[in-house]
N, C-alpha and C. Protein backbone atom coordinates (compact mmCIF):
# COMPACT_ATOMS: atom_id res chain seq x y z
N MET A 1 -22.90 60.51 9.59
CA MET A 1 -21.41 59.84 9.11
C MET A 1 -20.50 60.30 9.83
N ARG A 2 -20.43 61.84 9.91
CA ARG A 2 -19.33 62.55 10.58
C ARG A 2 -19.19 62.20 12.04
N VAL A 3 -20.04 61.34 12.63
CA VAL A 3 -19.71 61.28 14.10
C VAL A 3 -18.94 59.91 14.00
N LEU A 4 -19.43 58.83 12.82
CA LEU A 4 -18.78 57.48 13.04
C LEU A 4 -17.29 57.89 12.52
N TYR A 5 -17.14 58.85 11.50
CA TYR A 5 -15.68 58.98 11.17
C TYR A 5 -15.08 59.61 12.34
N ARG A 6 -15.45 60.55 13.34
CA ARG A 6 -14.46 61.23 14.01
C ARG A 6 -14.37 60.11 15.32
N PHE A 7 -15.53 59.35 15.35
CA PHE A 7 -14.90 58.18 16.40
C PHE A 7 -14.01 57.14 15.82
N GLN A 8 -13.89 56.79 14.82
CA GLN A 8 -13.10 55.93 14.14
C GLN A 8 -11.62 56.46 14.29
N ASN A 9 -11.43 57.86 13.95
CA ASN A 9 -10.20 58.64 13.94
C ASN A 9 -9.61 58.58 15.54
N ALA A 10 -10.82 58.75 16.19
CA ALA A 10 -10.11 58.88 17.91
C ALA A 10 -9.90 57.92 18.27
N LEU A 11 -10.52 56.37 17.85
CA LEU A 11 -9.71 55.21 18.27
C LEU A 11 -8.62 54.84 17.29
N ARG A 12 -8.20 55.43 16.37
CA ARG A 12 -7.07 55.23 15.51
C ARG A 12 -7.31 53.98 14.92
N LEU A 13 -8.51 53.79 14.15
CA LEU A 13 -9.00 52.49 13.65
C LEU A 13 -8.91 52.63 12.02
N THR A 14 -8.50 51.53 11.17
CA THR A 14 -8.22 51.62 9.95
C THR A 14 -9.82 51.54 9.65
N SER A 15 -9.93 51.88 8.07
CA SER A 15 -11.25 51.73 7.70
C SER A 15 -12.11 50.38 7.78
N PRO A 16 -11.39 49.14 7.46
CA PRO A 16 -11.83 47.95 7.71
C PRO A 16 -11.96 47.51 9.11
N GLU A 17 -11.23 48.06 10.03
CA GLU A 17 -11.61 47.98 11.43
C GLU A 17 -12.74 48.70 11.98
N GLY A 18 -12.76 49.71 11.60
CA GLY A 18 -14.10 50.71 11.72
C GLY A 18 -15.63 50.04 11.27
N SER A 19 -15.41 49.47 9.96
CA SER A 19 -16.43 49.11 9.32
C SER A 19 -17.08 47.52 10.34
N GLY A 20 -15.87 46.67 10.79
CA GLY A 20 -16.12 45.48 11.34
C GLY A 20 -16.80 45.91 12.90
N LEU A 21 -16.08 46.97 13.38
CA LEU A 21 -16.68 47.37 14.63
C LEU A 21 -18.17 47.87 14.68
N LEU A 22 -18.47 48.69 13.50
CA LEU A 22 -20.08 49.06 13.32
C LEU A 22 -20.61 48.02 12.95
N ALA A 23 -20.37 46.61 12.30
CA ALA A 23 -21.16 45.63 11.92
C ALA A 23 -21.43 44.95 13.30
N LEU A 24 -20.31 44.63 14.12
CA LEU A 24 -20.50 43.99 15.32
C LEU A 24 -21.70 44.82 16.31
N THR A 25 -21.46 46.17 16.06
CA THR A 25 -22.41 46.67 17.01
C THR A 25 -23.71 46.80 16.74
N LEU A 26 -23.93 46.81 15.26
CA LEU A 26 -25.24 46.48 14.85
C LEU A 26 -25.79 45.10 15.07
N ALA A 27 -25.12 44.22 14.94
CA ALA A 27 -25.22 42.67 15.31
C ALA A 27 -25.69 42.69 16.67
N GLY A 28 -25.01 43.31 17.68
CA GLY A 28 -25.24 43.21 19.06
C GLY A 28 -26.86 44.02 19.50
N ALA A 29 -26.88 45.11 18.91
CA ALA A 29 -28.06 45.64 19.07
C ALA A 29 -29.39 45.04 18.43
N LEU A 30 -29.30 44.57 17.43
CA LEU A 30 -30.29 43.41 16.84
C LEU A 30 -30.57 42.39 17.69
N GLY A 31 -29.55 41.74 18.33
CA GLY A 31 -29.81 40.48 19.01
C GLY A 31 -30.26 40.99 20.13
N MET A 32 -30.12 42.27 21.06
CA MET A 32 -30.52 42.63 22.32
C MET A 32 -32.15 42.76 21.92
N GLY A 33 -32.53 43.38 20.89
CA GLY A 33 -33.60 43.84 20.46
C GLY A 33 -34.64 42.67 20.09
N ALA A 34 -34.28 41.65 19.69
CA ALA A 34 -34.81 40.30 19.36
C ALA A 34 -35.10 39.52 20.57
N PHE A 35 -34.46 39.61 21.61
CA PHE A 35 -34.39 39.18 23.00
C PHE A 35 -35.37 39.84 23.55
N GLU A 36 -35.45 41.07 23.57
CA GLU A 36 -36.57 41.82 24.32
C GLU A 36 -38.03 41.53 23.69
N LEU A 37 -37.78 41.47 22.38
CA LEU A 37 -39.09 41.13 22.07
C LEU A 37 -39.81 39.56 22.24
N GLN A 38 -38.74 38.93 22.29
CA GLN A 38 -39.23 37.58 22.90
C GLN A 38 -39.69 37.60 24.22
N GLN A 39 -38.98 38.26 25.00
CA GLN A 39 -39.65 38.50 26.84
C GLN A 39 -40.94 38.92 26.58
N HIS A 40 -41.32 40.01 25.84
CA HIS A 40 -42.40 40.47 25.82
C HIS A 40 -43.67 39.82 25.21
N ALA A 41 -43.38 39.14 24.02
CA ALA A 41 -44.39 38.54 23.69
C ALA A 41 -45.09 37.32 24.39
N GLY A 42 -44.31 36.66 25.13
CA GLY A 42 -45.00 35.50 25.39
C GLY A 42 -44.93 34.28 24.87
N ALA A 43 -45.39 32.96 25.40
CA ALA A 43 -45.65 31.96 24.47
C ALA A 43 -46.88 32.13 23.62
N PRO A 44 -46.84 31.27 22.66
CA PRO A 44 -47.94 31.42 21.62
C PRO A 44 -49.17 30.75 22.44
N SER A 45 -50.55 31.09 22.02
CA SER A 45 -51.62 30.41 22.85
C SER A 45 -51.94 29.26 22.33
N SER A 46 -52.25 28.05 23.11
CA SER A 46 -52.66 26.88 22.66
C SER A 46 -53.41 26.78 21.72
N GLU A 47 -54.54 27.54 21.36
CA GLU A 47 -55.45 27.65 20.25
C GLU A 47 -54.90 27.92 18.87
N LEU A 48 -53.60 28.19 18.76
CA LEU A 48 -53.02 28.64 17.63
C LEU A 48 -53.00 27.11 16.76
N TYR A 49 -52.53 26.22 17.19
CA TYR A 49 -52.45 25.05 16.45
C TYR A 49 -53.68 23.91 16.79
N SER A 50 -54.58 24.26 17.25
CA SER A 50 -55.79 23.50 17.59
C SER A 50 -56.26 22.93 16.11
N GLU A 51 -56.46 23.81 15.20
CA GLU A 51 -57.12 23.35 13.91
C GLU A 51 -56.32 22.32 13.19
N SER A 52 -54.99 22.70 12.92
CA SER A 52 -53.83 21.75 12.44
C SER A 52 -54.14 20.43 13.11
N ASP A 53 -54.05 20.52 14.60
CA ASP A 53 -53.82 19.35 15.20
C ASP A 53 -55.10 18.41 14.90
N ALA A 54 -56.38 19.12 14.91
CA ALA A 54 -57.38 18.46 14.60
C ALA A 54 -57.51 17.53 13.26
N ALA A 55 -56.95 18.51 12.48
CA ALA A 55 -57.12 17.75 11.37
C ALA A 55 -56.11 16.61 10.75
N PHE A 56 -54.93 16.63 11.44
CA PHE A 56 -54.05 15.42 11.81
C PHE A 56 -54.58 14.24 12.24
N ALA A 57 -55.33 14.54 13.54
CA ALA A 57 -55.79 13.41 14.15
C ALA A 57 -57.07 12.58 13.08
N ALA A 58 -57.82 13.43 12.41
CA ALA A 58 -58.84 13.08 11.75
C ALA A 58 -58.25 12.20 10.44
N ALA A 59 -57.23 12.60 10.10
CA ALA A 59 -56.40 11.78 8.82
C ALA A 59 -55.84 10.79 9.46
N SER A 60 -55.32 10.58 10.78
CA SER A 60 -54.73 9.44 11.15
C SER A 60 -55.72 8.55 11.37
N ARG A 61 -56.98 8.78 12.13
CA ARG A 61 -57.90 7.89 12.20
C ARG A 61 -58.44 7.09 10.69
N ALA A 62 -58.43 7.96 9.83
CA ALA A 62 -58.89 7.59 8.28
C ALA A 62 -57.65 6.76 7.35
N ALA A 63 -56.61 6.54 8.10
CA ALA A 63 -55.39 6.22 7.23
C ALA A 63 -55.42 4.69 7.23
N VAL A 64 -55.11 4.03 6.39
CA VAL A 64 -55.07 2.83 6.28
C VAL A 64 -53.75 1.98 6.75
N PRO A 65 -53.98 0.91 7.69
CA PRO A 65 -52.92 0.54 8.36
C PRO A 65 -51.82 -0.09 7.48
N ALA A 66 -50.36 0.11 7.94
CA ALA A 66 -49.50 -0.17 7.16
C ALA A 66 -49.44 -1.60 6.68
N ALA A 67 -49.85 -2.51 7.15
CA ALA A 67 -49.76 -3.75 7.09
C ALA A 67 -50.60 -4.01 5.71
N GLN A 68 -51.66 -3.29 5.76
CA GLN A 68 -52.31 -3.57 4.25
C GLN A 68 -51.92 -2.88 2.98
N VAL A 69 -51.22 -1.92 3.37
CA VAL A 69 -50.34 -1.34 2.05
C VAL A 69 -49.18 -2.03 1.99
N LEU A 70 -48.27 -2.31 2.77
CA LEU A 70 -47.22 -3.13 2.50
C LEU A 70 -47.26 -4.67 2.28
N GLY A 71 -48.31 -5.34 2.76
CA GLY A 71 -48.59 -6.68 2.94
C GLY A 71 -47.83 -7.44 4.35
N PRO A 72 -47.86 -8.63 4.40
CA PRO A 72 -47.34 -9.18 5.72
C PRO A 72 -46.06 -8.95 5.61
N GLU A 73 -45.28 -8.80 6.85
CA GLU A 73 -43.74 -8.66 7.01
C GLU A 73 -43.04 -10.29 6.59
N PRO A 74 -42.05 -10.01 5.45
CA PRO A 74 -41.35 -11.23 5.29
C PRO A 74 -40.76 -11.84 6.33
N ALA A 75 -40.88 -13.36 6.03
CA ALA A 75 -39.89 -14.02 7.07
C ALA A 75 -38.43 -14.00 6.85
N ALA A 76 -38.20 -14.07 5.78
CA ALA A 76 -36.87 -14.03 5.20
C ALA A 76 -35.92 -12.90 5.43
N ALA A 77 -34.77 -12.88 5.43
CA ALA A 77 -33.62 -11.73 5.53
C ALA A 77 -34.26 -11.04 4.64
N PRO A 78 -33.97 -9.49 5.31
CA PRO A 78 -34.39 -8.38 4.28
C PRO A 78 -33.79 -8.42 3.04
N PHE A 79 -32.68 -8.73 3.07
CA PHE A 79 -31.62 -8.56 1.57
C PHE A 79 -31.76 -9.89 0.83
N ALA A 80 -32.61 -10.83 0.94
CA ALA A 80 -32.89 -11.84 0.41
C ALA A 80 -33.26 -11.56 -1.30
N LEU A 81 -33.84 -10.42 -1.41
CA LEU A 81 -34.57 -10.20 -2.73
C LEU A 81 -33.10 -9.75 -3.56
N LEU A 82 -32.21 -9.10 -2.83
CA LEU A 82 -30.98 -8.46 -3.70
C LEU A 82 -30.22 -9.97 -4.34
N ASP A 83 -30.29 -10.74 -3.77
CA ASP A 83 -29.25 -11.90 -3.79
C ASP A 83 -29.67 -12.70 -5.39
N SER A 84 -31.25 -12.58 -5.39
CA SER A 84 -31.80 -13.12 -6.64
C SER A 84 -31.80 -12.38 -8.02
N ILE A 85 -31.15 -11.05 -7.50
CA ILE A 85 -30.61 -10.20 -8.89
C ILE A 85 -29.79 -10.60 -9.35
N PRO A 86 -29.67 -10.97 -11.30
CA PRO A 86 -28.87 -11.33 -11.74
C PRO A 86 -27.39 -10.28 -11.92
N THR A 87 -26.24 -10.53 -11.70
CA THR A 87 -25.19 -9.57 -11.81
C THR A 87 -24.82 -9.58 -13.37
N PRO A 88 -24.67 -8.26 -13.93
CA PRO A 88 -24.17 -8.48 -15.46
C PRO A 88 -22.57 -8.98 -15.50
N PRO A 89 -22.04 -9.69 -16.55
CA PRO A 89 -20.98 -10.25 -16.40
C PRO A 89 -19.61 -9.27 -16.39
N GLU A 90 -19.96 -8.07 -17.03
CA GLU A 90 -18.79 -7.21 -16.90
C GLU A 90 -18.71 -6.45 -15.47
N ALA A 91 -19.44 -6.85 -14.58
CA ALA A 91 -19.48 -5.99 -13.33
C ALA A 91 -18.53 -7.30 -12.45
N VAL A 92 -18.66 -8.46 -12.81
CA VAL A 92 -17.86 -9.50 -12.05
C VAL A 92 -16.44 -9.60 -12.37
N PRO A 93 -15.51 -9.39 -11.24
CA PRO A 93 -13.88 -9.26 -11.72
C PRO A 93 -13.51 -10.49 -12.16
N PRO A 94 -12.76 -10.64 -13.01
CA PRO A 94 -12.06 -11.81 -13.61
C PRO A 94 -11.16 -12.68 -12.48
N ASP A 95 -11.10 -13.77 -13.00
CA ASP A 95 -10.42 -14.50 -12.16
C ASP A 95 -9.01 -14.32 -12.26
N THR A 96 -8.16 -14.01 -11.17
CA THR A 96 -6.79 -13.66 -11.49
C THR A 96 -5.85 -14.86 -11.30
N THR A 97 -6.41 -16.15 -10.59
CA THR A 97 -5.57 -17.24 -10.43
C THR A 97 -5.60 -17.88 -11.65
N GLN A 98 -4.20 -18.35 -11.87
CA GLN A 98 -3.83 -18.99 -13.18
C GLN A 98 -3.23 -20.57 -12.98
N ALA A 99 -3.85 -21.68 -13.44
CA ALA A 99 -3.24 -22.56 -13.35
C ALA A 99 -1.90 -22.90 -14.00
N SER A 100 -1.79 -22.33 -15.11
CA SER A 100 -0.60 -22.76 -15.86
C SER A 100 0.34 -21.52 -15.37
N GLY A 101 1.64 -21.67 -15.93
CA GLY A 101 2.49 -20.95 -15.66
C GLY A 101 2.62 -19.51 -16.57
N ALA A 102 1.81 -19.25 -17.29
CA ALA A 102 1.77 -18.31 -18.29
C ALA A 102 1.59 -16.89 -17.42
N GLU A 103 2.29 -15.92 -18.10
CA GLU A 103 2.40 -14.63 -17.56
C GLU A 103 0.99 -13.97 -17.41
N ALA A 104 0.73 -13.13 -16.43
CA ALA A 104 -0.64 -12.41 -16.44
C ALA A 104 -0.40 -11.37 -17.45
N PRO A 105 -1.64 -11.11 -18.11
CA PRO A 105 -2.01 -10.07 -19.01
C PRO A 105 -1.39 -8.80 -18.43
N LEU A 106 -0.91 -8.03 -19.54
CA LEU A 106 -0.47 -6.53 -19.02
C LEU A 106 -1.42 -5.66 -18.53
N PRO A 107 -1.13 -4.96 -17.69
CA PRO A 107 -1.96 -3.94 -17.19
C PRO A 107 -1.94 -2.84 -18.32
N PRO A 108 -3.21 -1.98 -18.33
CA PRO A 108 -3.32 -1.08 -19.43
C PRO A 108 -2.19 0.04 -19.24
N PRO A 109 -1.93 0.85 -20.32
CA PRO A 109 -0.57 1.77 -20.06
C PRO A 109 -1.34 2.76 -19.26
N PRO A 110 -0.41 3.53 -18.33
CA PRO A 110 -0.90 4.68 -17.57
C PRO A 110 -1.18 5.68 -18.47
N VAL A 111 -2.27 6.66 -18.23
CA VAL A 111 -2.68 7.76 -19.07
C VAL A 111 -1.79 8.83 -18.59
N THR A 112 -1.03 9.44 -19.21
CA THR A 112 -0.11 10.78 -19.11
C THR A 112 -0.83 12.25 -19.49
N ALA A 113 -1.14 12.97 -18.75
CA ALA A 113 -1.99 14.22 -18.99
C ALA A 113 -0.89 15.22 -19.29
N GLY A 114 -1.43 16.04 -20.16
CA GLY A 114 -0.54 17.32 -20.52
C GLY A 114 0.36 17.41 -21.50
N ARG A 115 0.81 16.25 -22.00
CA ARG A 115 1.62 16.69 -23.26
C ARG A 115 1.33 15.33 -24.11
N ALA A 116 1.04 15.64 -25.23
CA ALA A 116 0.83 14.71 -26.52
C ALA A 116 2.06 14.28 -26.99
N SER A 117 2.34 13.07 -27.24
CA SER A 117 3.70 12.41 -27.64
C SER A 117 3.02 11.33 -28.81
N GLY A 118 4.00 11.05 -29.73
CA GLY A 118 3.77 10.45 -30.70
C GLY A 118 4.36 8.72 -30.35
N ARG A 119 4.56 8.64 -29.07
CA ARG A 119 5.12 7.34 -28.71
C ARG A 119 4.14 6.37 -29.11
N LYS A 120 4.74 5.06 -29.13
CA LYS A 120 3.70 3.82 -29.26
C LYS A 120 3.14 3.67 -28.03
N GLU A 121 2.23 2.83 -27.76
CA GLU A 121 1.89 1.96 -26.72
C GLU A 121 2.82 1.46 -25.74
N ALA A 122 2.59 1.70 -24.43
CA ALA A 122 3.71 0.95 -23.77
C ALA A 122 3.81 -0.26 -23.96
N GLY A 123 5.20 -0.82 -23.84
CA GLY A 123 5.35 -2.30 -24.23
C GLY A 123 6.57 -2.78 -23.09
N ARG A 124 6.58 -4.46 -23.25
CA ARG A 124 7.68 -4.69 -22.40
C ARG A 124 8.87 -4.76 -23.02
N ALA A 125 9.92 -4.47 -21.91
CA ALA A 125 11.29 -4.32 -22.52
C ALA A 125 12.16 -5.39 -21.81
N ASN A 126 13.32 -5.62 -22.05
CA ASN A 126 14.39 -6.37 -21.59
C ASN A 126 15.45 -5.60 -20.88
N LEU A 127 15.49 -5.14 -19.44
CA LEU A 127 16.29 -3.94 -19.17
C LEU A 127 17.83 -3.97 -19.52
N ASN A 128 18.16 -5.45 -19.78
CA ASN A 128 19.77 -5.72 -20.03
C ASN A 128 19.94 -5.73 -21.53
N THR A 129 18.88 -5.91 -22.69
CA THR A 129 19.10 -5.97 -23.89
C THR A 129 18.40 -4.86 -24.81
N ALA A 130 17.32 -3.95 -24.30
CA ALA A 130 16.62 -3.37 -25.19
C ALA A 130 17.34 -2.32 -25.58
N SER A 131 17.13 -1.87 -26.82
CA SER A 131 17.55 -0.66 -27.24
C SER A 131 17.08 0.47 -26.93
N LEU A 132 17.66 1.71 -27.56
CA LEU A 132 16.91 2.83 -27.21
C LEU A 132 15.63 3.46 -27.42
N GLN A 133 14.95 2.58 -28.55
CA GLN A 133 13.76 2.60 -28.83
C GLN A 133 12.91 1.71 -27.87
N ASP A 134 13.51 0.47 -27.76
CA ASP A 134 12.68 -0.14 -26.78
C ASP A 134 12.35 0.33 -25.46
N LEU A 135 13.48 0.90 -24.87
CA LEU A 135 13.43 1.47 -23.50
C LEU A 135 12.53 2.55 -23.50
N GLN A 136 12.25 3.36 -24.73
CA GLN A 136 11.34 4.51 -24.61
C GLN A 136 10.03 4.04 -24.69
N ARG A 137 9.66 2.88 -25.04
CA ARG A 137 8.49 2.30 -24.68
C ARG A 137 7.75 2.10 -23.19
N LEU A 138 8.73 2.27 -22.61
CA LEU A 138 8.50 1.86 -21.00
C LEU A 138 7.97 3.08 -20.35
N PRO A 139 6.86 3.18 -19.68
CA PRO A 139 5.96 4.32 -18.99
C PRO A 139 7.10 5.12 -18.52
N GLY A 140 7.22 6.45 -18.41
CA GLY A 140 7.87 7.38 -17.93
C GLY A 140 9.33 7.51 -18.14
N VAL A 141 9.71 6.76 -19.57
CA VAL A 141 11.06 6.85 -19.58
C VAL A 141 11.02 7.75 -21.34
N GLY A 142 11.72 8.70 -21.37
CA GLY A 142 11.95 9.41 -22.67
C GLY A 142 13.36 9.25 -23.11
N PRO A 143 13.76 10.01 -24.29
CA PRO A 143 14.91 9.68 -24.91
C PRO A 143 16.26 10.14 -23.87
N ALA A 144 15.73 10.72 -22.96
CA ALA A 144 17.06 11.41 -22.02
C ALA A 144 17.40 10.05 -21.00
N ILE A 145 16.16 9.58 -20.29
CA ILE A 145 16.40 8.47 -19.51
C ILE A 145 16.63 7.27 -19.94
N ALA A 146 16.25 6.90 -21.19
CA ALA A 146 16.49 5.71 -22.26
C ALA A 146 18.11 5.77 -22.23
N GLN A 147 18.72 6.82 -22.69
CA GLN A 147 19.98 6.96 -22.89
C GLN A 147 21.16 6.45 -21.52
N ARG A 148 20.36 7.32 -20.43
CA ARG A 148 21.20 6.99 -19.05
C ARG A 148 21.13 5.66 -18.70
N ILE A 149 20.03 4.76 -19.07
CA ILE A 149 19.71 3.60 -18.50
C ILE A 149 20.75 2.57 -19.24
N ILE A 150 21.04 2.91 -20.89
CA ILE A 150 22.21 2.27 -21.48
C ILE A 150 23.51 2.53 -21.00
N ASP A 151 23.80 4.08 -20.91
CA ASP A 151 25.22 4.44 -20.39
C ASP A 151 25.39 3.63 -19.12
N TYR A 152 24.21 3.38 -18.21
CA TYR A 152 24.43 2.83 -16.74
C TYR A 152 24.89 1.17 -16.95
N ARG A 153 24.38 0.73 -17.86
CA ARG A 153 24.09 -0.60 -18.13
C ARG A 153 25.61 -1.21 -18.61
N ASN A 154 26.36 -0.10 -19.59
CA ASN A 154 27.74 -0.31 -20.17
C ASN A 154 28.62 -0.13 -19.25
N GLN A 155 28.18 0.97 -17.99
CA GLN A 155 29.22 1.30 -17.16
C GLN A 155 29.30 0.05 -16.11
N ASN A 156 28.16 -0.53 -15.45
CA ASN A 156 28.04 -1.13 -14.32
C ASN A 156 27.83 -2.55 -14.91
N GLY A 157 27.44 -2.89 -15.96
CA GLY A 157 27.25 -4.47 -16.21
C GLY A 157 25.77 -4.60 -16.27
N PRO A 158 25.07 -5.85 -16.47
CA PRO A 158 23.69 -6.01 -16.59
C PRO A 158 23.13 -5.72 -15.17
N PHE A 159 21.84 -5.40 -15.30
CA PHE A 159 20.98 -5.18 -14.14
C PHE A 159 20.78 -6.49 -13.36
N ARG A 160 20.69 -6.68 -11.98
CA ARG A 160 20.56 -7.89 -11.52
C ARG A 160 19.24 -8.09 -11.05
N SER A 161 18.27 -7.11 -10.91
CA SER A 161 16.98 -6.91 -10.75
C SER A 161 16.39 -5.91 -11.40
N VAL A 162 15.11 -5.81 -11.71
CA VAL A 162 14.41 -4.69 -12.20
C VAL A 162 14.44 -3.57 -10.84
N ASP A 163 14.56 -3.62 -9.66
CA ASP A 163 14.71 -2.75 -8.61
C ASP A 163 15.91 -1.93 -8.62
N ALA A 164 17.12 -2.86 -9.36
CA ALA A 164 18.35 -2.08 -9.35
C ALA A 164 18.23 -0.91 -10.49
N ILE A 165 17.18 -0.62 -11.51
CA ILE A 165 17.19 0.39 -12.24
C ILE A 165 17.09 1.71 -11.51
N THR A 166 16.75 1.83 -10.30
CA THR A 166 16.55 3.10 -9.49
C THR A 166 18.04 3.68 -9.36
N GLY A 167 19.22 2.75 -9.77
CA GLY A 167 20.51 3.64 -9.68
C GLY A 167 20.84 4.52 -10.55
N VAL A 168 20.15 4.46 -11.76
CA VAL A 168 19.98 5.35 -13.04
C VAL A 168 19.36 6.80 -12.41
N ARG A 169 20.07 7.94 -12.85
CA ARG A 169 19.77 9.20 -12.11
C ARG A 169 18.27 9.56 -13.31
N GLY A 170 17.07 10.05 -12.33
CA GLY A 170 15.85 10.34 -12.91
C GLY A 170 15.12 9.32 -12.94
N ILE A 171 15.28 8.06 -12.28
CA ILE A 171 14.51 6.95 -11.89
C ILE A 171 14.45 6.71 -10.50
N GLY A 172 13.27 7.15 -10.11
CA GLY A 172 12.68 6.84 -8.56
C GLY A 172 11.73 5.91 -8.35
N PRO A 173 11.41 5.82 -6.93
CA PRO A 173 10.54 4.92 -6.67
C PRO A 173 9.04 4.91 -7.72
N LYS A 174 8.60 6.23 -7.95
CA LYS A 174 7.32 6.31 -8.54
C LYS A 174 7.45 5.80 -10.16
N THR A 175 8.73 6.29 -10.60
CA THR A 175 8.88 5.76 -12.01
C THR A 175 8.80 4.38 -11.97
N LEU A 176 9.59 3.82 -11.01
CA LEU A 176 9.87 2.03 -11.07
C LEU A 176 8.71 1.57 -10.95
N GLU A 177 7.67 2.23 -10.04
CA GLU A 177 6.15 1.64 -10.10
C GLU A 177 5.65 1.38 -11.25
N LYS A 178 5.80 2.83 -11.96
CA LYS A 178 4.86 2.92 -13.42
C LYS A 178 5.60 1.77 -14.45
N MET A 179 6.71 1.29 -14.38
CA MET A 179 7.39 0.72 -15.30
C MET A 179 7.54 -0.96 -14.84
N ARG A 180 7.31 -1.33 -13.68
CA ARG A 180 7.64 -2.24 -13.11
C ARG A 180 6.80 -3.61 -13.80
N PRO A 181 5.52 -3.34 -14.52
CA PRO A 181 4.90 -4.43 -15.11
C PRO A 181 5.34 -4.57 -16.74
N TYR A 182 6.35 -3.60 -17.07
CA TYR A 182 6.60 -3.92 -18.31
C TYR A 182 8.24 -4.16 -18.25
N ALA A 183 8.85 -3.70 -17.47
CA ALA A 183 10.16 -4.00 -17.33
C ALA A 183 10.44 -5.50 -16.83
N HIS A 184 11.57 -6.12 -17.25
CA HIS A 184 11.88 -7.44 -17.28
C HIS A 184 13.34 -7.60 -17.47
N LEU A 185 13.85 -8.79 -16.96
CA LEU A 185 15.53 -8.94 -17.27
C LEU A 185 15.48 -10.26 -18.14
């Protein structure tokens, strides 16, 4: 070990560098030793695998043909069987087209992780007439932002579109997208 320590100091290597150099040297020596061993050992004899080859050949002669095990090849498409399997009703997406002019049902409110709140479930709110409490039911809107919406509405008049709410400080594109299904004029 003293020799390695002196060698490390002579090359001015840090301890991790010296350890890395030692590992690389050992790996190279092992690789060269394995190469030399392969060169002198030669190829394995052909008799080494003769017993296992004979056993596989005997087993393949005694094997049952695949047609007897699987039956005749189907003439129909390979996925025809899948079409005959009934689909459970909950797996079929509902029809989103509506014949009447009724509004589509609201999507479920977004899940907010991290803070528990005593707020009620998200609900629809008219941006031009909603009270402070009504605005707080919109996703992403707390008391401070609800007050800013009311202040903005009092200073600038009614909103002309739902997108115009991005003029309120604290409401950006992400918050707008969260509240869009619930906000209306």
